[in-house]
Amino acid sequence: MPKERGKGFGIHRAMDTSGAILGSIVVFLLFWFLGFDFNSIIVIAAIIAFLSLIPLHFVKDEKREPQDITLRIGLKNLPKSLRLFILISAIFALANFSYMFFILRAQEFFAGRLSIGMPILLYVLFNIFYAAFAVPFGTLSDKIGRKKVIVFGYLLFSLTSLGFAFFNSLIAFIVLFALYGIVYAIIDGNQRAYVSDLSSEKLRATALGTFHTTIGLVALPASLIAGLLWQIAAPNMTFIYGSVVSIISVVLFIAFRNYFKK
């Protein structure tokens, strides 16, 4: 969808997240009402994952001629603007540690079965907002430009992290998990769309692979730092860290805005 790439990636994220919503609801029902333990639930999830291979069999790729591109040549030929964006998004990824820290933050304030049940429901809420807003924000980025939307997403993540640091009531968690879902709706698909915008058609797969590899490599130290702060300092310091690093990525994006496309 070259003219509506943001919308296209938004549809992809919305469909993927809709599965997460249904899956999380099934987990809650199995745990809360039917008394399944998590070992059994994980086995059921594995079976469903295996069944997903069946419709995948009917997806057909378009035929194309093989290209003489090695990994070294492919990476070297990525545009400077794309490499700069991957660097900035990697800095943001240092702030965007595992969502399990947000779940654990909520879990601290509930007791008994609620300490498991409520975080599952809050995770469902997160995914509902993620799925609901992925297409609208993808479409918005097609209209007003990816940069503005992504910067807004980084900024909203910073504010949401501060909320998790300083507020801990049920109402606060409902609002914060909804905002957290909106953050993912803004950022996740639009970052991928922007990588596609900044890359040539010939190297688009290499560009997306480089982006996801970089984000994946940064995810480990991001969560390690978050975990260390949680254990050594205090849980709220984990979210303050995320907020500060996210603001740094906003500043860098704005400072180098002239190097990017809209």
Protein backbone atom coordinates (compact mmCIF):
# COMPACT_ATOMS: atom_id res chain seq x y z
CA MET A 1 0.00 0.00 0.00
CA PRO A 2 2.52 2.64 -1.13
CA LYS A 3 0.05 5.55 -0.90
CA GLU A 4 -1.52 4.43 2.39
CA ARG A 5 1.37 2.64 4.02
CA GLY A 6 0.53 3.92 7.51
CA LYS A 7 -3.01 2.59 7.17
CA GLY A 8 -1.68 -0.72 5.87
CA PHE A 9 0.65 -1.25 8.79
CA GLY A 10 -2.14 -0.06 11.11
CA ILE A 11 -4.46 -2.76 9.77
CA HIS A 12 -1.72 -5.35 10.28
CA ARG A 13 -1.18 -4.27 13.90
CA ALA A 14 -4.92 -4.06 14.60
CA MET A 15 -5.53 -7.60 13.32
CA ASP A 16 -2.54 -8.97 15.23
CA THR A 17 -3.66 -7.23 18.41
CA SER A 18 -7.25 -8.40 18.00
CA GLY A 19 -5.87 -11.91 18.34
CA ALA A 20 -4.10 -10.83 21.53
CA ILE A 21 -7.40 -9.51 22.90
CA LEU A 22 -9.24 -12.76 22.21
CA GLY A 23 -6.32 -14.81 23.53
CA SER A 24 -6.14 -12.82 26.77
CA ILE A 25 -9.91 -13.12 27.31
CA VAL A 26 -9.67 -16.89 26.83
CA VAL A 27 -6.79 -17.00 29.36
CA PHE A 28 -8.88 -15.07 31.89
CA LEU A 29 -11.88 -17.36 31.42
CA LEU A 30 -9.75 -20.50 31.70
CA PHE A 31 -7.99 -19.22 34.82
CA TRP A 32 -10.79 -17.41 36.67
CA PHE A 33 -13.84 -19.56 35.92
CA LEU A 34 -12.50 -22.99 34.95
CA GLY A 35 -9.52 -23.17 37.29
CA PHE A 36 -6.86 -24.03 34.68
CA ASP A 37 -3.25 -23.64 35.75
CA PHE A 38 -0.80 -21.74 33.54
CA ASN A 39 1.00 -24.87 32.34
CA SER A 40 -2.26 -26.11 30.81
CA ILE A 41 -3.04 -22.68 29.36
CA ILE A 42 0.39 -22.52 27.68
CA VAL A 43 -0.15 -25.97 26.13
CA ILE A 44 -3.50 -24.78 24.73
CA ALA A 45 -1.76 -21.68 23.33
CA ALA A 46 0.85 -23.89 21.65
CA ILE A 47 -1.87 -25.94 19.95
CA ILE A 48 -3.60 -22.80 18.67
CA ALA A 49 -0.25 -21.46 17.41
CA PHE A 50 0.31 -24.69 15.51
CA LEU A 51 -3.16 -24.44 13.91
CA SER A 52 -2.26 -20.95 12.64
CA LEU A 53 0.06 -22.65 10.13
CA ILE A 54 -2.98 -23.94 8.23
CA PRO A 55 -4.27 -20.61 6.78
CA LEU A 56 -0.66 -19.49 6.22
CA HIS A 57 -0.31 -22.32 3.70
CA PHE A 58 -2.80 -20.58 1.39
CA VAL A 59 -0.91 -17.25 1.35
CA LYS A 60 0.93 -16.93 -1.97
CA ASP A 61 3.97 -14.74 -2.62
CA GLU A 62 4.32 -12.77 -5.84
CA LYS A 63 7.04 -14.19 -8.05
CA ARG A 64 10.11 -12.02 -8.46
CA GLU A 65 13.57 -12.37 -9.90
CA PRO A 66 16.38 -13.03 -7.38
CA GLN A 67 18.59 -10.00 -6.73
CA ASP A 68 22.34 -10.02 -6.33
CA ILE A 69 22.40 -8.43 -2.87
CA THR A 70 24.60 -9.59 -0.02
CA LEU A 71 23.92 -8.58 3.57
CA ARG A 72 27.00 -6.33 3.61
CA ILE A 73 26.03 -4.52 0.40
CA GLY A 74 22.41 -4.20 1.53
CA LEU A 75 23.23 -2.58 4.87
CA LYS A 76 25.86 -0.30 3.31
CA ASN A 77 23.33 1.02 0.80
CA LEU A 78 20.70 2.00 3.33
CA PRO A 79 20.11 5.78 3.20
CA LYS A 80 21.66 7.95 5.91
CA SER A 81 18.24 9.23 6.93
CA LEU A 82 17.09 5.66 7.52
CA ARG A 83 20.17 4.79 9.57
CA LEU A 84 19.62 7.92 11.66
CA PHE A 85 15.98 7.00 12.26
CA ILE A 86 16.96 3.47 13.28
CA LEU A 87 19.43 4.98 15.77
CA ILE A 88 16.78 7.28 17.26
CA SER A 89 14.21 4.48 17.40
CA ALA A 90 16.83 2.30 19.13
CA ILE A 91 17.26 4.99 21.80
CA PHE A 92 13.50 5.01 22.25
CA ALA A 93 13.59 1.20 22.47
CA LEU A 94 15.89 1.59 25.49
CA ALA A 95 12.98 3.35 27.17
CA ASN A 96 10.36 0.95 25.84
CA PHE A 97 11.17 -1.98 28.11
CA SER A 98 8.98 -5.08 28.37
CA TYR A 99 5.27 -4.53 29.00
CA MET A 100 5.59 -7.05 31.84
CA PHE A 101 6.96 -4.25 34.03
CA PHE A 102 3.65 -2.42 33.58
CA ILE A 103 1.80 -5.63 34.45
CA LEU A 104 3.97 -6.13 37.55
CA ARG A 105 3.34 -2.52 38.59
CA ALA A 106 -0.40 -3.17 38.56
CA GLN A 107 -0.01 -6.56 40.23
CA GLU A 108 1.63 -4.93 43.26
CA PHE A 109 -1.64 -3.28 44.25
CA PHE A 110 -3.93 -6.32 44.19
CA ALA A 111 -4.07 -9.35 46.46
CA GLY A 112 -5.06 -13.01 46.09
CA ARG A 113 -6.56 -14.09 42.78
CA LEU A 114 -7.07 -10.44 41.84
CA SER A 115 -3.27 -10.07 41.62
CA ILE A 116 -3.46 -12.33 38.55
CA GLY A 117 -6.96 -11.63 37.27
CA MET A 118 -6.81 -7.82 37.25
CA PRO A 119 -3.48 -7.56 35.37
CA ILE A 120 -4.91 -9.90 32.69
CA LEU A 121 -7.97 -7.66 32.31
CA LEU A 122 -5.78 -4.54 32.20
CA TYR A 123 -3.69 -6.21 29.50
CA VAL A 124 -6.92 -6.85 27.57
CA LEU A 125 -7.78 -3.15 27.97
CA PHE A 126 -4.31 -2.19 26.69
CA ASN A 127 -4.81 -4.34 23.59
CA ILE A 128 -8.34 -3.04 22.95
CA PHE A 129 -7.04 0.53 22.74
CA TYR A 130 -4.03 -0.64 20.71
CA ALA A 131 -6.25 -2.39 18.15
CA ALA A 132 -8.88 0.37 18.07
CA PHE A 133 -6.42 3.20 17.38
CA ALA A 134 -3.81 1.47 15.17
CA VAL A 135 -5.66 2.14 11.90
CA PRO A 136 -6.75 5.74 12.73
CA PHE A 137 -3.21 6.77 13.68
CA GLY A 138 -1.79 4.95 10.66
CA THR A 139 -4.22 6.85 8.45
CA LEU A 140 -3.35 10.10 10.26
CA SER A 141 0.35 9.57 9.51
CA ASP A 142 -0.52 9.15 5.82
CA LYS A 143 -2.23 12.55 5.93
CA ILE A 144 0.02 14.73 8.11
CA GLY A 145 3.33 12.87 7.93
CA ARG A 146 4.99 10.12 9.94
CA LYS A 147 7.40 12.38 11.88
CA LYS A 148 4.73 14.32 13.74
CA VAL A 149 2.80 11.20 14.68
CA ILE A 150 5.85 9.25 15.87
CA VAL A 151 7.20 12.17 17.93
CA PHE A 152 3.77 12.52 19.55
CA GLY A 153 3.85 8.79 20.34
CA TYR A 154 7.28 9.04 21.97
CA LEU A 155 6.11 12.03 24.02
CA LEU A 156 2.91 10.27 25.10
CA PHE A 157 4.96 7.25 26.19
CA SER A 158 7.07 9.55 28.36
CA LEU A 159 3.98 11.00 30.04
CA THR A 160 2.39 7.56 30.46
CA SER A 161 5.56 6.24 32.12
CA LEU A 162 5.46 9.13 34.59
CA GLY A 163 1.86 8.19 35.33
CA PHE A 164 2.90 4.64 36.20
CA ALA A 165 5.64 6.05 38.42
CA PHE A 166 3.39 8.27 40.54
CA PHE A 167 -0.20 6.91 40.40
CA ASN A 168 -1.40 3.54 41.67
CA SER A 169 -5.19 3.44 42.05
CA LEU A 170 -7.52 1.22 40.00
CA ILE A 171 -8.88 4.22 38.09
CA ALA A 172 -5.33 5.39 37.39
CA PHE A 173 -4.35 1.97 36.04
CA ILE A 174 -7.41 1.88 33.78
CA VAL A 175 -6.49 5.27 32.31
CA LEU A 176 -2.77 4.46 32.09
CA PHE A 177 -3.20 1.08 30.38
CA ALA A 178 -5.57 2.72 27.89
CA LEU A 179 -2.93 5.39 27.18
CA TYR A 180 -0.25 2.70 26.94
CA GLY A 181 -2.34 0.96 24.27
CA ILE A 182 -2.70 4.23 22.36
CA VAL A 183 1.08 4.70 22.51
CA TYR A 184 1.61 1.34 20.82
CA ALA A 185 -1.09 2.17 18.26
CA ILE A 186 0.79 5.36 17.40
CA ILE A 187 4.31 3.98 17.35
CA ASP A 188 4.41 0.32 16.38
CA GLY A 189 2.93 0.37 12.88
CA ASN A 190 4.09 3.89 12.01
CA GLN A 191 7.73 3.14 12.80
CA ARG A 192 7.59 0.23 10.35
CA ALA A 193 5.82 2.37 7.78
CA TYR A 194 8.46 5.09 8.16
CA VAL A 195 11.29 2.59 7.66
CA SER A 196 9.54 1.56 4.45
CA ASP A 197 9.20 5.22 3.42
CA LEU A 198 12.91 5.89 3.95
CA SER A 199 14.11 2.77 2.12
CA SER A 200 14.18 1.94 -1.56
CA GLU A 201 11.87 -0.78 -2.88
CA LYS A 202 14.92 -2.88 -3.73
CA LEU A 203 16.16 -2.89 -0.13
CA ARG A 204 12.88 -2.61 1.78
CA ALA A 205 13.05 -6.08 3.31
CA THR A 206 16.68 -5.50 4.32
CA ALA A 207 15.71 -2.15 5.86
CA LEU A 208 12.85 -3.64 7.87
CA GLY A 209 15.05 -6.54 8.94
CA THR A 210 17.77 -4.15 10.09
CA PHE A 211 15.24 -2.08 12.02
CA HIS A 212 13.72 -5.07 13.82
CA THR A 213 17.14 -6.60 14.53
CA THR A 214 18.31 -3.34 16.10
CA ILE A 215 15.15 -2.96 18.19
CA GLY A 216 15.38 -6.60 19.24
CA LEU A 217 19.01 -6.28 20.34
CA VAL A 218 18.24 -3.15 22.34
CA ALA A 219 15.24 -4.81 24.04
CA LEU A 220 17.54 -6.95 26.21
CA PRO A 221 19.56 -4.13 27.85
CA ALA A 222 16.37 -2.03 28.09
CA SER A 223 14.64 -4.60 30.27
CA LEU A 224 17.85 -5.42 32.17
CA ILE A 225 18.25 -1.76 33.12
CA ALA A 226 14.56 -1.56 34.03
CA GLY A 227 14.90 -4.68 36.19
CA LEU A 228 18.00 -3.41 37.96
CA LEU A 229 16.31 -0.11 38.78
CA TRP A 230 13.25 -2.02 40.01
CA GLN A 231 15.37 -4.16 42.37
CA ILE A 232 18.10 -1.76 43.46
CA ALA A 233 16.22 1.54 43.63
CA ALA A 234 12.41 1.35 43.48
CA PRO A 235 9.74 0.34 40.91
CA ASN A 236 8.84 3.96 40.18
CA MET A 237 12.46 4.64 39.15
CA THR A 238 12.01 2.13 36.32
CA PHE A 239 9.25 4.26 34.83
CA ILE A 240 11.06 7.54 35.45
CA TYR A 241 13.99 6.06 33.53
CA GLY A 242 11.67 5.17 30.65
CA SER A 243 10.20 8.66 30.64
CA VAL A 244 13.59 10.42 30.56
CA VAL A 245 15.07 8.25 27.79
CA SER A 246 11.90 8.65 25.73
CA ILE A 247 12.20 12.44 26.00
CA ILE A 248 15.80 12.17 24.75
CA SER A 249 14.55 10.37 21.63
CA VAL A 250 11.96 13.14 21.13
CA VAL A 251 14.66 15.82 21.36
CA LEU A 252 16.90 13.97 18.88
CA PHE A 253 14.04 13.48 16.44
CA ILE A 254 13.21 17.19 16.53
CA ALA A 255 16.88 18.23 16.34
CA PHE A 256 17.48 16.15 13.21
CA ARG A 257 14.03 16.67 11.68
CA ASN A 258 15.47 18.26 8.52
CA TYR A 259 17.25 15.00 7.66
CA PHE A 260 13.96 13.12 7.31
CA LYS A 261 11.04 12.97 4.95
CA LYS A 262 7.65 14.08 6.23
